Amino acid sequence: MSFANMYFANLTDFVHMGGHAPYVWGAYGIGVAILVLNILVPWWQSRRFRQQLQRRLSRKAQHAASATSSMSRPAGTDHVSTTRP
C-alpha cells in the first residue's frame, strides 16, 4: 500500500474511511477518552484528597478546642454529681 494512494476526494469519503469508519473513529474516540481521563482522574483525586485533608484538619482543630475547654473547667465538674438529701 502506497501513501500516495491514501487520499480522500471529499469530506464524506474522509468520514467514511473507505468502509472502516467505525473502527477508525472508534479508535480515535477511545484514544481521546483515555487522554481526557488521564487529565481528569488525577485532578479529581487531588481535589478529593484536599477535601478530606481539610475535613481532617477541621476535626482535629475542633477536637483540640474541646480538649482545651474541658481542661479549663474545675476538677470534678465534668460529670453529673448526685447528692443524697
N, C-alpha and C. Protein backbone atom coordinates (compact mmCIF):
# COMPACT_ATOMS: atom_id res chain seq x y z
N MET A 1 0.84 -1.17 0.00
CA MET A 1 0.00 0.00 0.00
C MET A 1 0.89 1.24 0.00
N SER A 2 0.65 2.11 -0.86
CA SER A 2 1.44 3.31 -1.02
C SER A 2 0.74 4.49 -0.35
N PHE A 3 1.53 5.38 0.27
CA PHE A 3 0.94 6.55 0.89
C PHE A 3 0.40 7.52 -0.14
N ALA A 4 0.87 7.44 -1.37
CA ALA A 4 0.40 8.34 -2.43
C ALA A 4 -1.06 8.05 -2.78
N ASN A 5 -1.51 6.84 -2.57
CA ASN A 5 -2.89 6.48 -2.89
C ASN A 5 -3.85 6.72 -1.73
N MET A 6 -3.35 7.16 -0.60
CA MET A 6 -4.20 7.37 0.58
C MET A 6 -4.67 8.82 0.62
N TYR A 7 -5.68 9.12 -0.10
CA TYR A 7 -6.27 10.45 -0.07
C TYR A 7 -7.78 10.30 -0.21
N PHE A 8 -8.47 11.33 0.12
CA PHE A 8 -9.92 11.31 0.07
C PHE A 8 -10.37 12.44 -0.83
N ALA A 9 -11.34 12.14 -1.68
CA ALA A 9 -11.82 13.12 -2.66
C ALA A 9 -12.62 14.23 -2.00
N ASN A 10 -13.34 13.90 -0.93
CA ASN A 10 -14.14 14.91 -0.24
C ASN A 10 -14.27 14.54 1.24
N LEU A 11 -14.96 15.36 1.97
CA LEU A 11 -15.10 15.16 3.41
C LEU A 11 -15.91 13.90 3.73
N THR A 12 -16.88 13.60 2.90
CA THR A 12 -17.70 12.39 3.13
C THR A 12 -16.84 11.14 3.03
N ASP A 13 -15.97 11.08 2.04
CA ASP A 13 -15.08 9.93 1.91
C ASP A 13 -14.13 9.84 3.11
N PHE A 14 -13.70 10.99 3.58
CA PHE A 14 -12.83 11.01 4.75
C PHE A 14 -13.56 10.45 5.98
N VAL A 15 -14.81 10.88 6.18
CA VAL A 15 -15.58 10.43 7.33
C VAL A 15 -15.87 8.94 7.24
N HIS A 16 -16.15 8.44 6.06
CA HIS A 16 -16.47 7.01 5.88
C HIS A 16 -15.22 6.12 5.90
N MET A 17 -14.07 6.68 5.68
CA MET A 17 -12.79 5.97 5.75
C MET A 17 -12.78 4.68 4.94
N GLY A 18 -13.36 4.71 3.78
CA GLY A 18 -13.35 3.53 2.91
C GLY A 18 -14.06 2.33 3.51
N GLY A 19 -15.09 2.57 4.31
CA GLY A 19 -15.84 1.49 4.93
C GLY A 19 -15.32 1.07 6.30
N HIS A 20 -14.24 1.66 6.74
CA HIS A 20 -13.64 1.31 8.03
C HIS A 20 -13.91 2.36 9.10
N ALA A 21 -14.88 3.21 8.87
CA ALA A 21 -15.15 4.33 9.78
C ALA A 21 -15.42 3.91 11.22
N PRO A 22 -16.24 2.88 11.48
CA PRO A 22 -16.49 2.54 12.89
C PRO A 22 -15.20 2.17 13.64
N TYR A 23 -14.30 1.49 12.98
CA TYR A 23 -13.05 1.07 13.62
C TYR A 23 -12.11 2.26 13.80
N VAL A 24 -11.97 3.05 12.76
CA VAL A 24 -11.04 4.18 12.81
C VAL A 24 -11.53 5.22 13.81
N TRP A 25 -12.78 5.64 13.70
CA TRP A 25 -13.30 6.67 14.59
C TRP A 25 -13.47 6.14 16.01
N GLY A 26 -13.76 4.85 16.13
CA GLY A 26 -13.82 4.25 17.46
C GLY A 26 -12.46 4.29 18.14
N ALA A 27 -11.41 3.99 17.38
CA ALA A 27 -10.05 4.03 17.94
C ALA A 27 -9.68 5.46 18.34
N TYR A 28 -10.04 6.43 17.51
CA TYR A 28 -9.78 7.82 17.87
C TYR A 28 -10.57 8.22 19.11
N GLY A 29 -11.81 7.78 19.19
CA GLY A 29 -12.65 8.09 20.35
C GLY A 29 -12.08 7.51 21.63
N ILE A 30 -11.64 6.26 21.56
CA ILE A 30 -11.04 5.63 22.74
C ILE A 30 -9.75 6.36 23.13
N GLY A 31 -8.95 6.71 22.14
CA GLY A 31 -7.71 7.43 22.43
C GLY A 31 -7.96 8.78 23.08
N VAL A 32 -8.93 9.53 22.58
CA VAL A 32 -9.26 10.83 23.16
C VAL A 32 -9.83 10.65 24.57
N ALA A 33 -10.68 9.63 24.75
CA ALA A 33 -11.24 9.37 26.08
C ALA A 33 -10.14 9.07 27.09
N ILE A 34 -9.16 8.29 26.69
CA ILE A 34 -8.04 7.96 27.59
C ILE A 34 -7.23 9.21 27.93
N LEU A 35 -6.98 10.03 26.94
CA LEU A 35 -6.24 11.28 27.20
C LEU A 35 -7.00 12.19 28.15
N VAL A 36 -8.31 12.31 27.95
CA VAL A 36 -9.12 13.16 28.82
C VAL A 36 -9.13 12.60 30.23
N LEU A 37 -9.29 11.28 30.36
CA LEU A 37 -9.29 10.67 31.69
C LEU A 37 -7.94 10.80 32.37
N ASN A 38 -6.85 10.78 31.60
CA ASN A 38 -5.52 10.97 32.18
C ASN A 38 -5.34 12.37 32.76
N ILE A 39 -6.15 13.28 32.32
CA ILE A 39 -6.12 14.64 32.87
C ILE A 39 -7.10 14.77 34.03
N LEU A 40 -8.32 14.24 33.85
CA LEU A 40 -9.36 14.44 34.84
C LEU A 40 -9.21 13.60 36.11
N VAL A 41 -8.81 12.35 35.99
CA VAL A 41 -8.74 11.47 37.16
C VAL A 41 -7.76 12.00 38.21
N PRO A 42 -6.54 12.38 37.85
CA PRO A 42 -5.65 12.95 38.89
C PRO A 42 -6.20 14.24 39.49
N TRP A 43 -6.88 15.04 38.68
CA TRP A 43 -7.48 16.28 39.19
C TRP A 43 -8.57 15.95 40.20
N TRP A 44 -9.44 14.96 39.88
CA TRP A 44 -10.49 14.54 40.81
C TRP A 44 -9.88 13.99 42.09
N GLN A 45 -8.84 13.18 41.96
CA GLN A 45 -8.22 12.57 43.14
C GLN A 45 -7.57 13.63 44.03
N SER A 46 -6.88 14.59 43.44
CA SER A 46 -6.25 15.62 44.25
C SER A 46 -7.30 16.51 44.91
N ARG A 47 -8.38 16.76 44.21
CA ARG A 47 -9.47 17.55 44.78
C ARG A 47 -10.10 16.82 45.97
N ARG A 48 -10.35 15.52 45.81
CA ARG A 48 -10.92 14.72 46.89
C ARG A 48 -9.94 14.66 48.07
N PHE A 49 -8.65 14.50 47.78
CA PHE A 49 -7.64 14.46 48.85
C PHE A 49 -7.62 15.77 49.63
N ARG A 50 -7.66 16.90 48.92
CA ARG A 50 -7.66 18.19 49.59
C ARG A 50 -8.90 18.37 50.46
N GLN A 51 -10.06 17.90 49.96
CA GLN A 51 -11.28 18.00 50.76
C GLN A 51 -11.19 17.13 52.01
N GLN A 52 -10.70 15.91 51.87
CA GLN A 52 -10.54 15.02 53.02
C GLN A 52 -9.54 15.60 54.02
N LEU A 53 -8.46 16.16 53.52
CA LEU A 53 -7.47 16.76 54.40
C LEU A 53 -8.05 17.94 55.14
N GLN A 54 -8.83 18.76 54.46
CA GLN A 54 -9.47 19.91 55.10
C GLN A 54 -10.43 19.46 56.19
N ARG A 55 -11.22 18.41 55.91
CA ARG A 55 -12.14 17.89 56.93
C ARG A 55 -11.37 17.33 58.12
N ARG A 56 -10.28 16.61 57.84
CA ARG A 56 -9.48 16.03 58.91
C ARG A 56 -8.87 17.13 59.79
N LEU A 57 -8.34 18.17 59.16
CA LEU A 57 -7.75 19.27 59.92
C LEU A 57 -8.80 20.01 60.73
N SER A 58 -9.99 20.15 60.16
CA SER A 58 -11.08 20.82 60.86
C SER A 58 -11.50 20.01 62.09
N ARG A 59 -11.63 18.68 61.92
CA ARG A 59 -11.97 17.82 63.06
C ARG A 59 -10.89 17.88 64.13
N LYS A 60 -9.64 17.89 63.69
CA LYS A 60 -8.53 17.94 64.64
C LYS A 60 -8.54 19.25 65.42
N ALA A 61 -8.84 20.35 64.73
CA ALA A 61 -8.91 21.65 65.39
C ALA A 61 -10.08 21.69 66.37
N GLN A 62 -11.22 21.13 65.99
CA GLN A 62 -12.37 21.09 66.90
C GLN A 62 -12.06 20.23 68.11
N HIS A 63 -11.39 19.11 67.89
CA HIS A 63 -11.03 18.23 69.00
C HIS A 63 -10.06 18.94 69.94
N ALA A 64 -9.11 19.64 69.38
CA ALA A 64 -8.14 20.36 70.21
C ALA A 64 -8.83 21.48 70.99
N ALA A 65 -9.79 22.14 70.36
CA ALA A 65 -10.51 23.22 71.04
C ALA A 65 -11.36 22.67 72.17
N SER A 66 -12.00 21.53 71.95
CA SER A 66 -12.83 20.95 73.01
C SER A 66 -11.96 20.41 74.14
N ALA A 67 -10.78 19.92 73.81
CA ALA A 67 -9.87 19.41 74.84
C ALA A 67 -9.37 20.56 75.72
N THR A 68 -9.07 21.69 75.12
CA THR A 68 -8.58 22.82 75.92
C THR A 68 -9.70 23.42 76.74
N SER A 69 -10.94 23.42 76.24
CA SER A 69 -12.04 23.97 77.02
C SER A 69 -12.39 23.06 78.19
N SER A 70 -12.24 21.76 78.03
CA SER A 70 -12.52 20.86 79.15
C SER A 70 -11.42 20.93 80.19
N MET A 71 -10.23 21.31 79.80
CA MET A 71 -9.13 21.44 80.76
C MET A 71 -9.29 22.69 81.61
N SER A 72 -10.03 23.68 81.14
CA SER A 72 -10.18 24.91 81.89
C SER A 72 -11.27 24.81 82.95
N ARG A 73 -12.08 23.75 82.94
CA ARG A 73 -13.11 23.57 83.96
C ARG A 73 -12.48 23.07 85.26
N PRO A 74 -13.07 23.41 86.37
CA PRO A 74 -12.56 22.91 87.65
C PRO A 74 -12.71 21.39 87.73
N ALA A 75 -11.86 20.79 88.50
CA ALA A 75 -11.88 19.34 88.62
C ALA A 75 -13.20 18.88 89.22
N GLY A 76 -13.71 17.80 88.71
CA GLY A 76 -14.93 17.22 89.24
C GLY A 76 -16.20 17.78 88.64
N THR A 77 -16.12 18.73 87.71
CA THR A 77 -17.32 19.30 87.12
C THR A 77 -17.64 18.69 85.77
N ASP A 78 -16.89 17.69 85.37
CA ASP A 78 -17.13 17.10 84.06
C ASP A 78 -18.15 15.97 84.12
N HIS A 79 -18.67 15.67 85.30
CA HIS A 79 -19.70 14.64 85.41
C HIS A 79 -20.85 15.18 86.25
N VAL A 80 -21.96 14.50 86.16
CA VAL A 80 -23.13 14.93 86.91
C VAL A 80 -22.99 14.42 88.33
N SER A 81 -23.12 15.31 89.26
CA SER A 81 -22.99 14.89 90.65
C SER A 81 -24.36 14.49 91.19
N THR A 82 -24.35 13.46 91.95
CA THR A 82 -25.59 13.01 92.60
C THR A 82 -25.41 13.15 94.09
N THR A 83 -26.23 13.96 94.68
CA THR A 83 -26.16 14.16 96.12
C THR A 83 -27.39 13.57 96.75
N ARG A 84 -27.22 13.06 97.95
CA ARG A 84 -28.35 12.49 98.68
C ARG A 84 -28.81 13.48 99.73
N PRO A 85 -30.11 13.58 99.88
CA PRO A 85 -30.60 14.53 100.90
C PRO A 85 -30.38 14.10 102.32
